Amino acid sequence: GTMVALMIRAGGSKAYGDWAVSHIKTKSGALWSTFILAI
């Protein structure tokens, strides 16, 4: 839980989200990215 809070506060989660928004162009890509990240 602390690791999650650290990554959010450091801006890592936001930066990764911004990168994903700019590189993932389709609905299918968004679903696959969610699935792969969860694995």
PDB file of all heavy atoms in Angstrom:
ATOM      1  N   GLY A   1       0.821  -1.207   0.000  1.00  0.00           N
ATOM      2  CA  GLY A   1       0.000   0.000   0.000  1.00  0.00           C
ATOM      3  C   GLY A   1       0.854   1.254   0.000  1.00  0.00           C
ATOM      4  O   GLY A   1       0.542   2.237  -0.688  1.00  0.00           O
ATOM      5  N   THR A   2       1.950   1.216   0.753  1.00  0.00           N
ATOM      6  CA  THR A   2       2.867   2.357   0.790  1.00  0.00           C
ATOM      7  C   THR A   2       3.541   2.558  -0.561  1.00  0.00           C
ATOM      8  O   THR A   2       3.728   3.701  -1.011  1.00  0.00           O
ATOM      9  CB  THR A   2       3.926   2.137   1.879  1.00  0.00           C
ATOM     10  OG1 THR A   2       3.284   1.917   3.143  1.00  0.00           O
ATOM     11  CG2 THR A   2       4.838   3.347   1.998  1.00  0.00           C
ATOM     12  N   MET A   3       3.894   1.463  -1.223  1.00  0.00           N
ATOM     13  CA  MET A   3       4.503   1.557  -2.556  1.00  0.00           C
ATOM     14  C   MET A   3       3.549   2.228  -3.541  1.00  0.00           C
ATOM     15  O   MET A   3       3.957   3.067  -4.351  1.00  0.00           O
ATOM     16  CB  MET A   3       4.870   0.162  -3.059  1.00  0.00           C
ATOM     17  CG  MET A   3       5.996  -0.518  -2.291  1.00  0.00           C
ATOM     18  SD  MET A   3       7.646   0.066  -2.745  1.00  0.00           S
ATOM     19  CE  MET A   3       7.836  -0.651  -4.365  1.00  0.00           C
ATOM     20  N   VAL A   4       2.272   1.861  -3.476  1.00  0.00           N
ATOM     21  CA  VAL A   4       1.270   2.488  -4.352  1.00  0.00           C
ATOM     22  C   VAL A   4       1.197   3.985  -4.080  1.00  0.00           C
ATOM     23  O   VAL A   4       1.209   4.816  -4.999  1.00  0.00           O
ATOM     24  CB  VAL A   4      -0.111   1.839  -4.152  1.00  0.00           C
ATOM     25  CG1 VAL A   4      -1.182   2.613  -4.924  1.00  0.00           C
ATOM     26  CG2 VAL A   4      -0.101   0.395  -4.610  1.00  0.00           C
ATOM     27  N   ALA A   5       1.120   4.351  -2.790  1.00  0.00           N
ATOM     28  CA  ALA A   5       1.043   5.769  -2.428  1.00  0.00           C
ATOM     29  C   ALA A   5       2.283   6.533  -2.900  1.00  0.00           C
ATOM     30  O   ALA A   5       2.184   7.672  -3.377  1.00  0.00           O
ATOM     31  CB  ALA A   5       0.876   5.904  -0.910  1.00  0.00           C
ATOM     32  N   LEU A   6       3.453   5.902  -2.773  1.00  0.00           N
ATOM     33  CA  LEU A   6       4.696   6.547  -3.209  1.00  0.00           C
ATOM     34  C   LEU A   6       4.701   6.782  -4.718  1.00  0.00           C
ATOM     35  O   LEU A   6       5.081   7.864  -5.191  1.00  0.00           O
ATOM     36  CB  LEU A   6       5.894   5.682  -2.821  1.00  0.00           C
ATOM     37  CG  LEU A   6       6.292   5.658  -1.340  1.00  0.00           C
ATOM     38  CD1 LEU A   6       7.311   4.565  -1.083  1.00  0.00           C
ATOM     39  CD2 LEU A   6       6.844   7.015  -0.913  1.00  0.00           C
ATOM     40  N   MET A   7       4.289   5.786  -5.476  1.00  0.00           N
ATOM     41  CA  MET A   7       4.308   5.918  -6.932  1.00  0.00           C
ATOM     42  C   MET A   7       3.306   6.960  -7.421  1.00  0.00           C
ATOM     43  O   MET A   7       3.550   7.667  -8.397  1.00  0.00           O
ATOM     44  CB  MET A   7       4.046   4.555  -7.586  1.00  0.00           C
ATOM     45  CG  MET A   7       5.202   3.585  -7.425  1.00  0.00           C
ATOM     46  SD  MET A   7       4.963   2.009  -8.281  1.00  0.00           S
ATOM     47  CE  MET A   7       3.624   1.278  -7.349  1.00  0.00           C
ATOM     48  N   ILE A   8       2.167   7.042  -6.728  1.00  0.00           N
ATOM     49  CA  ILE A   8       1.176   8.064  -7.096  1.00  0.00           C
ATOM     50  C   ILE A   8       1.710   9.449  -6.753  1.00  0.00           C
ATOM     51  O   ILE A   8       1.654  10.377  -7.568  1.00  0.00           O
ATOM     52  CB  ILE A   8      -0.165   7.797  -6.387  1.00  0.00           C
ATOM     53  CG1 ILE A   8      -0.792   6.496  -6.911  1.00  0.00           C
ATOM     54  CG2 ILE A   8      -1.121   8.964  -6.601  1.00  0.00           C
ATOM     55  CD1 ILE A   8      -2.063   6.113  -6.173  1.00  0.00           C
ATOM     56  N   ARG A   9       2.240   9.597  -5.522  1.00  0.00           N
ATOM     57  CA  ARG A   9       2.721  10.908  -5.067  1.00  0.00           C
ATOM     58  C   ARG A   9       3.919  11.384  -5.892  1.00  0.00           C
ATOM     59  O   ARG A   9       4.055  12.586  -6.156  1.00  0.00           O
ATOM     60  CB  ARG A   9       3.099  10.822  -3.587  1.00  0.00           C
ATOM     61  CG  ARG A   9       3.564  12.139  -2.970  1.00  0.00           C
ATOM     62  CD  ARG A   9       2.414  13.103  -2.807  1.00  0.00           C
ATOM     63  NE  ARG A   9       1.496  12.677  -1.790  1.00  0.00           N
ATOM     64  CZ  ARG A   9       1.581  13.001  -0.499  1.00  0.00           C
ATOM     65  NH1 ARG A   9       2.576  13.757  -0.078  1.00  0.00           N
ATOM     66  NH2 ARG A   9       0.672  12.568   0.349  1.00  0.00           N
ATOM     67  N   ALA A  10       4.772  10.459  -6.314  1.00  0.00           N
ATOM     68  CA  ALA A  10       5.943  10.836  -7.113  1.00  0.00           C
ATOM     69  C   ALA A  10       5.579  11.205  -8.543  1.00  0.00           C
ATOM     70  O   ALA A  10       6.422  11.734  -9.280  1.00  0.00           O
ATOM     71  CB  ALA A  10       6.962   9.711  -7.120  1.00  0.00           C
ATOM     72  N   GLY A  11       4.339  10.927  -8.926  1.00  0.00           N
ATOM     73  CA  GLY A  11       3.904  11.261 -10.277  1.00  0.00           C
ATOM     74  C   GLY A  11       4.107  10.155 -11.281  1.00  0.00           C
ATOM     75  O   GLY A  11       3.826  10.331 -12.473  1.00  0.00           O
ATOM     76  N   GLY A  12       4.586   8.992 -10.832  1.00  0.00           N
ATOM     77  CA  GLY A  12       4.828   7.886 -11.742  1.00  0.00           C
ATOM     78  C   GLY A  12       3.551   7.345 -12.363  1.00  0.00           C
ATOM     79  O   GLY A  12       3.502   7.077 -13.573  1.00  0.00           O
ATOM     80  N   SER A  13       2.512   7.181 -11.557  1.00  0.00           N
ATOM     81  CA  SER A  13       1.240   6.670 -12.076  1.00  0.00           C
ATOM     82  C   SER A  13       0.640   7.634 -13.090  1.00  0.00           C
ATOM     83  O   SER A  13       0.133   7.225 -14.136  1.00  0.00           O
ATOM     84  CB  SER A  13       0.257   6.438 -10.920  1.00  0.00           C
ATOM     85  OG  SER A  13       0.749   5.456 -10.034  1.00  0.00           O
ATOM     86  N   LYS A  14       0.685   8.933 -12.782  1.00  0.00           N
ATOM     87  CA  LYS A  14       0.144   9.944 -13.702  1.00  0.00           C
ATOM     88  C   LYS A  14       0.951   9.974 -14.996  1.00  0.00           C
ATOM     89  O   LYS A  14       0.377  10.056 -16.101  1.00  0.00           O
ATOM     90  CB  LYS A  14       0.190  11.311 -13.032  1.00  0.00           C
ATOM     91  CG  LYS A  14      -0.412  12.447 -13.867  1.00  0.00           C
ATOM     92  CD  LYS A  14      -1.907  12.275 -14.033  1.00  0.00           C
ATOM     93  CE  LYS A  14      -2.589  13.534 -14.552  1.00  0.00           C
ATOM     94  NZ  LYS A  14      -2.087  13.958 -15.873  1.00  0.00           N
ATOM     95  N   ALA A  15       2.276   9.884 -14.896  1.00  0.00           N
ATOM     96  CA  ALA A  15       3.124   9.906 -16.089  1.00  0.00           C
ATOM     97  C   ALA A  15       2.854   8.693 -16.970  1.00  0.00           C
ATOM     98  O   ALA A  15       2.763   8.812 -18.204  1.00  0.00           O
ATOM     99  CB  ALA A  15       4.597   9.955 -15.679  1.00  0.00           C
ATOM    100  N   TYR A  16       2.718   7.525 -16.347  1.00  0.00           N
ATOM    101  CA  TYR A  16       2.437   6.317 -17.123  1.00  0.00           C
ATOM    102  C   TYR A  16       1.065   6.413 -17.774  1.00  0.00           C
ATOM    103  O   TYR A  16       0.890   6.018 -18.936  1.00  0.00           O
ATOM    104  CB  TYR A  16       2.517   5.083 -16.230  1.00  0.00           C
ATOM    105  CG  TYR A  16       2.356   3.778 -16.990  1.00  0.00           C
ATOM    106  CD1 TYR A  16       3.467   3.131 -17.509  1.00  0.00           C
ATOM    107  CD2 TYR A  16       1.097   3.226 -17.187  1.00  0.00           C
ATOM    108  CE1 TYR A  16       3.327   1.944 -18.216  1.00  0.00           C
ATOM    109  CE2 TYR A  16       0.945   2.039 -17.892  1.00  0.00           C
ATOM    110  CZ  TYR A  16       2.069   1.410 -18.399  1.00  0.00           C
ATOM    111  OH  TYR A  16       1.916   0.228 -19.110  1.00  0.00           O
ATOM    112  N   GLY A  17       0.092   6.945 -17.022  1.00  0.00           N
ATOM    113  CA  GLY A  17      -1.244   7.120 -17.586  1.00  0.00           C
ATOM    114  C   GLY A  17      -1.243   8.068 -18.773  1.00  0.00           C
ATOM    115  O   GLY A  17      -1.898   7.805 -19.794  1.00  0.00           O
ATOM    116  N   ASP A  18      -0.502   9.171 -18.655  1.00  0.00           N
ATOM    117  CA  ASP A  18      -0.402  10.126 -19.775  1.00  0.00           C
ATOM    118  C   ASP A  18       0.270   9.476 -20.987  1.00  0.00           C
ATOM    119  O   ASP A  18      -0.146   9.689 -22.128  1.00  0.00           O
ATOM    120  CB  ASP A  18       0.385  11.363 -19.344  1.00  0.00           C
ATOM    121  CG  ASP A  18      -0.375  12.191 -18.315  1.00  0.00           C
ATOM    122  OD1 ASP A  18      -1.606  12.019 -18.207  1.00  0.00           O
ATOM    123  OD2 ASP A  18       0.266  13.000 -17.620  1.00  0.00           O
ATOM    124  N   TRP A  19       1.320   8.685 -20.721  1.00  0.00           N
ATOM    125  CA  TRP A  19       1.998   7.986 -21.816  1.00  0.00           C
ATOM    126  C   TRP A  19       1.046   7.004 -22.501  1.00  0.00           C
ATOM    127  O   TRP A  19       1.004   6.910 -23.733  1.00  0.00           O
ATOM    128  CB  TRP A  19       3.209   7.242 -21.272  1.00  0.00           C
ATOM    129  CG  TRP A  19       3.921   6.417 -22.309  1.00  0.00           C
ATOM    130  CD1 TRP A  19       4.903   6.817 -23.141  1.00  0.00           C
ATOM    131  CD2 TRP A  19       3.678   5.032 -22.606  1.00  0.00           C
ATOM    132  NE1 TRP A  19       5.292   5.783 -23.954  1.00  0.00           N
ATOM    133  CE2 TRP A  19       4.565   4.670 -23.652  1.00  0.00           C
ATOM    134  CE3 TRP A  19       2.807   4.072 -22.105  1.00  0.00           C
ATOM    135  CZ2 TRP A  19       4.597   3.384 -24.188  1.00  0.00           C
ATOM    136  CZ3 TRP A  19       2.827   2.794 -22.643  1.00  0.00           C
ATOM    137  CH2 TRP A  19       3.715   2.463 -23.673  1.00  0.00           C
ATOM    138  N   ALA A  20       0.276   6.269 -21.691  1.00  0.00           N
ATOM    139  CA  ALA A  20      -0.660   5.294 -22.255  1.00  0.00           C
ATOM    140  C   ALA A  20      -1.743   5.980 -23.077  1.00  0.00           C
ATOM    141  O   ALA A  20      -2.131   5.498 -24.145  1.00  0.00           O
ATOM    142  CB  ALA A  20      -1.286   4.467 -21.131  1.00  0.00           C
ATOM    143  N   VAL A  21      -2.234   7.128 -22.590  1.00  0.00           N
ATOM    144  CA  VAL A  21      -3.275   7.863 -23.320  1.00  0.00           C
ATOM    145  C   VAL A  21      -2.774   8.280 -24.697  1.00  0.00           C
ATOM    146  O   VAL A  21      -3.499   8.209 -25.695  1.00  0.00           O
ATOM    147  CB  VAL A  21      -3.733   9.097 -22.513  1.00  0.00           C
ATOM    148  CG1 VAL A  21      -4.579  10.012 -23.378  1.00  0.00           C
ATOM    149  CG2 VAL A  21      -4.521   8.662 -21.288  1.00  0.00           C
ATOM    150  N   SER A  22      -1.519   8.701 -24.769  1.00  0.00           N
ATOM    151  CA  SER A  22      -0.973   9.192 -26.041  1.00  0.00           C
ATOM    152  C   SER A  22      -0.576   8.074 -26.991  1.00  0.00           C
ATOM    153  O   SER A  22      -0.452   8.294 -28.206  1.00  0.00           O
ATOM    154  CB  SER A  22       0.243  10.090 -25.774  1.00  0.00           C
ATOM    155  OG  SER A  22       1.283   9.354 -25.149  1.00  0.00           O
ATOM    156  N   HIS A  23      -0.376   6.860 -26.494  1.00  0.00           N
ATOM    157  CA  HIS A  23       0.097   5.771 -27.341  1.00  0.00           C
ATOM    158  C   HIS A  23      -0.971   4.715 -27.639  1.00  0.00           C
ATOM    159  O   HIS A  23      -0.804   3.953 -28.595  1.00  0.00           O
ATOM    160  CB  HIS A  23       1.314   5.089 -26.703  1.00  0.00           C
ATOM    161  CG  HIS A  23       2.572   5.899 -26.776  1.00  0.00           C
ATOM    162  ND1 HIS A  23       2.816   6.958 -25.933  1.00  0.00           N
ATOM    163  CD2 HIS A  23       3.649   5.821 -27.608  1.00  0.00           C
ATOM    164  CE1 HIS A  23       3.992   7.492 -26.218  1.00  0.00           C
ATOM    165  NE2 HIS A  23       4.521   6.821 -27.235  1.00  0.00           N
ATOM    166  N   ILE A  24      -2.002   4.633 -26.809  1.00  0.00           N
ATOM    167  CA  ILE A  24      -3.049   3.626 -27.028  1.00  0.00           C
ATOM    168  C   ILE A  24      -4.193   4.295 -27.773  1.00  0.00           C
ATOM    169  O   ILE A  24      -4.862   5.191 -27.245  1.00  0.00           O
ATOM    170  CB  ILE A  24      -3.524   3.036 -25.689  1.00  0.00           C
ATOM    171  CG1 ILE A  24      -2.363   2.340 -24.987  1.00  0.00           C
ATOM    172  CG2 ILE A  24      -4.674   2.056 -25.914  1.00  0.00           C
ATOM    173  CD1 ILE A  24      -2.680   1.873 -23.584  1.00  0.00           C
ATOM    174  N   LYS A  25      -4.437   3.835 -28.986  1.00  0.00           N
ATOM    175  CA  LYS A  25      -5.371   4.535 -29.877  1.00  0.00           C
ATOM    176  C   LYS A  25      -6.724   3.842 -30.027  1.00  0.00           C
ATOM    177  O   LYS A  25      -7.642   4.421 -30.612  1.00  0.00           O
ATOM    178  CB  LYS A  25      -4.747   4.674 -31.271  1.00  0.00           C
ATOM    179  CG  LYS A  25      -3.391   5.396 -31.275  1.00  0.00           C
ATOM    180  CD  LYS A  25      -3.514   6.818 -30.759  1.00  0.00           C
ATOM    181  CE  LYS A  25      -2.177   7.550 -30.843  1.00  0.00           C
ATOM    182  NZ  LYS A  25      -2.259   8.930 -30.320  1.00  0.00           N
ATOM    183  N   THR A  26      -6.882   2.617 -29.544  1.00  0.00           N
ATOM    184  CA  THR A  26      -8.126   1.886 -29.755  1.00  0.00           C
ATOM    185  C   THR A  26      -8.685   1.373 -28.437  1.00  0.00           C
ATOM    186  O   THR A  26      -7.964   1.244 -27.441  1.00  0.00           O
ATOM    187  CB  THR A  26      -7.908   0.685 -30.697  1.00  0.00           C
ATOM    188  OG1 THR A  26      -7.020  -0.254 -30.062  1.00  0.00           O
ATOM    189  CG2 THR A  26      -7.310   1.141 -32.024  1.00  0.00           C
ATOM    190  N   LYS A  27      -9.975   1.042 -28.444  1.00  0.00           N
ATOM    191  CA  LYS A  27     -10.621   0.466 -27.273  1.00  0.00           C
ATOM    192  C   LYS A  27     -10.010  -0.895 -26.948  1.00  0.00           C
ATOM    193  O   LYS A  27      -9.763  -1.220 -25.781  1.00  0.00           O
ATOM    194  CB  LYS A  27     -12.118   0.328 -27.524  1.00  0.00           C
ATOM    195  CG  LYS A  27     -12.879  -0.326 -26.383  1.00  0.00           C
ATOM    196  CD  LYS A  27     -14.372  -0.418 -26.682  1.00  0.00           C
ATOM    197  CE  LYS A  27     -15.110  -1.122 -25.549  1.00  0.00           C
ATOM    198  NZ  LYS A  27     -16.564  -1.219 -25.803  1.00  0.00           N
ATOM    199  N   SER A  28      -9.759  -1.687 -27.985  1.00  0.00           N
ATOM    200  CA  SER A  28      -9.140  -2.995 -27.775  1.00  0.00           C
ATOM    201  C   SER A  28      -7.764  -2.845 -27.137  1.00  0.00           C
ATOM    202  O   SER A  28      -7.399  -3.605 -26.223  1.00  0.00           O
ATOM    203  CB  SER A  28      -9.028  -3.733 -29.110  1.00  0.00           C
ATOM    204  OG  SER A  28      -8.347  -4.960 -28.944  1.00  0.00           O
ATOM    205  N   GLY A  29      -7.004  -1.866 -27.589  1.00  0.00           N
ATOM    206  CA  GLY A  29      -5.688  -1.632 -27.010  1.00  0.00           C
ATOM    207  C   GLY A  29      -5.761  -1.247 -25.548  1.00  0.00           C
ATOM    208  O   GLY A  29      -4.929  -1.657 -24.739  1.00  0.00           O
ATOM    209  N   ALA A  30      -6.778  -0.459 -25.178  1.00  0.00           N
ATOM    210  CA  ALA A  30      -6.958  -0.066 -23.780  1.00  0.00           C
ATOM    211  C   ALA A  30      -7.266  -1.276 -22.908  1.00  0.00           C
ATOM    212  O   ALA A  30      -6.752  -1.405 -21.788  1.00  0.00           O
ATOM    213  CB  ALA A  30      -8.076   0.974 -23.676  1.00  0.00           C
ATOM    214  N   LEU A  31      -8.116  -2.172 -23.413  1.00  0.00           N
ATOM    215  CA  LEU A  31      -8.468  -3.370 -22.644  1.00  0.00           C
ATOM    216  C   LEU A  31      -7.264  -4.302 -22.517  1.00  0.00           C
ATOM    217  O   LEU A  31      -7.001  -4.839 -21.427  1.00  0.00           O
ATOM    218  CB  LEU A  31      -9.624  -4.096 -23.331  1.00  0.00           C
ATOM    219  CG  LEU A  31     -10.981  -3.374 -23.307  1.00  0.00           C
ATOM    220  CD1 LEU A  31     -12.000  -4.134 -24.135  1.00  0.00           C
ATOM    221  CD2 LEU A  31     -11.476  -3.194 -21.878  1.00  0.00           C
ATOM    222  N   TRP A  32      -6.518  -4.490 -23.616  1.00  0.00           N
ATOM    223  CA  TRP A  32      -5.339  -5.351 -23.548  1.00  0.00           C
ATOM    224  C   TRP A  32      -4.292  -4.767 -22.612  1.00  0.00           C
ATOM    225  O   TRP A  32      -3.635  -5.508 -21.862  1.00  0.00           O
ATOM    226  CB  TRP A  32      -4.746  -5.538 -24.948  1.00  0.00           C
ATOM    227  CG  TRP A  32      -5.436  -6.579 -25.775  1.00  0.00           C
ATOM    228  CD1 TRP A  32      -6.110  -6.390 -26.938  1.00  0.00           C
ATOM    229  CD2 TRP A  32      -5.508  -7.982 -25.492  1.00  0.00           C
ATOM    230  NE1 TRP A  32      -6.614  -7.572 -27.401  1.00  0.00           N
ATOM    231  CE2 TRP A  32      -6.255  -8.568 -26.539  1.00  0.00           C
ATOM    232  CE3 TRP A  32      -5.036  -8.784 -24.467  1.00  0.00           C
ATOM    233  CZ2 TRP A  32      -6.523  -9.939 -26.578  1.00  0.00           C
ATOM    234  CZ3 TRP A  32      -5.299 -10.156 -24.509  1.00  0.00           C
ATOM    235  CH2 TRP A  32      -6.035 -10.707 -25.555  1.00  0.00           C
ATOM    236  N   SER A  33      -4.110  -3.462 -22.628  1.00  0.00           N
ATOM    237  CA  SER A  33      -3.130  -2.818 -21.751  1.00  0.00           C
ATOM    238  C   SER A  33      -3.504  -3.002 -20.283  1.00  0.00           C
ATOM    239  O   SER A  33      -2.638  -3.245 -19.435  1.00  0.00           O
ATOM    240  CB  SER A  33      -3.027  -1.329 -22.081  1.00  0.00           C
ATOM    241  OG  SER A  33      -2.613  -1.131 -23.408  1.00  0.00           O
ATOM    242  N   THR A  34      -4.800  -2.883 -19.990  1.00  0.00           N
ATOM    243  CA  THR A  34      -5.268  -3.104 -18.617  1.00  0.00           C
ATOM    244  C   THR A  34      -4.995  -4.533 -18.183  1.00  0.00           C
ATOM    245  O   THR A  34      -4.513  -4.788 -17.069  1.00  0.00           O
ATOM    246  CB  THR A  34      -6.778  -2.810 -18.525  1.00  0.00           C
ATOM    247  OG1 THR A  34      -7.026  -1.472 -18.955  1.00  0.00           O
ATOM    248  CG2 THR A  34      -7.277  -2.983 -17.103  1.00  0.00           C
ATOM    249  N   PHE A  35      -5.293  -5.479 -19.045  1.00  0.00           N
ATOM    250  CA  PHE A  35      -5.095  -6.898 -18.749  1.00  0.00           C
ATOM    251  C   PHE A  35      -3.618  -7.215 -18.533  1.00  0.00           C
ATOM    252  O   PHE A  35      -3.248  -7.880 -17.552  1.00  0.00           O
ATOM    253  CB  PHE A  35      -5.659  -7.729 -19.905  1.00  0.00           C
ATOM    254  CG  PHE A  35      -5.485  -9.210 -19.746  1.00  0.00           C
ATOM    255  CD1 PHE A  35      -6.124  -9.893 -18.729  1.00  0.00           C
ATOM    256  CD2 PHE A  35      -4.661  -9.914 -20.615  1.00  0.00           C
ATOM    257  CE1 PHE A  35      -5.963 -11.274 -18.582  1.00  0.00           C
ATOM    258  CE2 PHE A  35      -4.495 -11.285 -20.474  1.00  0.00           C
ATOM    259  CZ  PHE A  35      -5.148 -11.964 -19.453  1.00  0.00           C
ATOM    260  N   ILE A  36      -2.758  -6.718 -19.404  1.00  0.00           N
ATOM    261  CA  ILE A  36      -1.326  -7.012 -19.303  1.00  0.00           C
ATOM    262  C   ILE A  36      -0.714  -6.372 -18.051  1.00  0.00           C
ATOM    263  O   ILE A  36       0.076  -6.999 -17.342  1.00  0.00           O
ATOM    264  CB  ILE A  36      -0.593  -6.527 -20.572  1.00  0.00           C
ATOM    265  CG1 ILE A  36      -1.036  -7.364 -21.779  1.00  0.00           C
ATOM    266  CG2 ILE A  36       0.926  -6.609 -20.395  1.00  0.00           C
ATOM    267  CD1 ILE A  36      -0.543  -6.832 -23.107  1.00  0.00           C
ATOM    268  N   LEU A  37      -1.093  -5.134 -17.766  1.00  0.00           N
ATOM    269  CA  LEU A  37      -0.572  -4.472 -16.566  1.00  0.00           C
ATOM    270  C   LEU A  37      -0.995  -5.221 -15.315  1.00  0.00           C
ATOM    271  O   LEU A  37      -0.204  -5.372 -14.372  1.00  0.00           O
ATOM    272  CB  LEU A  37      -1.059  -3.018 -16.510  1.00  0.00           C
ATOM    273  CG  LEU A  37      -0.560  -2.188 -15.327  1.00  0.00           C
ATOM    274  CD1 LEU A  37       0.963  -2.087 -15.341  1.00  0.00           C
ATOM    275  CD2 LEU A  37      -1.181  -0.804 -15.341  1.00  0.00           C
ATOM    276  N   ALA A  38      -2.237  -5.715 -15.286  1.00  0.00           N
ATOM    277  CA  ALA A  38      -2.716  -6.467 -14.116  1.00  0.00           C
ATOM    278  C   ALA A  38      -1.954  -7.773 -13.948  1.00  0.00           C
ATOM    279  O   ALA A  38      -1.748  -8.227 -12.818  1.00  0.00           O
ATOM    280  CB  ALA A  38      -4.209  -6.739 -14.257  1.00  0.00           C
ATOM    281  N   ILE A  39      -1.522  -8.384 -15.042  1.00  0.00           N
ATOM    282  CA  ILE A  39      -0.726  -9.606 -14.936  1.00  0.00           C
ATOM    283  C   ILE A  39       0.669  -9.287 -14.401  1.00  0.00           C
ATOM    284  O   ILE A  39       1.201  -9.996 -13.541  1.00  0.00           O
ATOM    285  CB  ILE A  39      -0.639 -10.298 -16.318  1.00  0.00           C
ATOM    286  CG1 ILE A  39      -2.002 -10.872 -16.704  1.00  0.00           C
ATOM    287  CG2 ILE A  39       0.418 -11.402 -16.309  1.00  0.00           C
ATOM    288  CD1 ILE A  39      -2.030 -11.531 -18.054  1.00  0.00           C
TER     289      ILE A  39
END
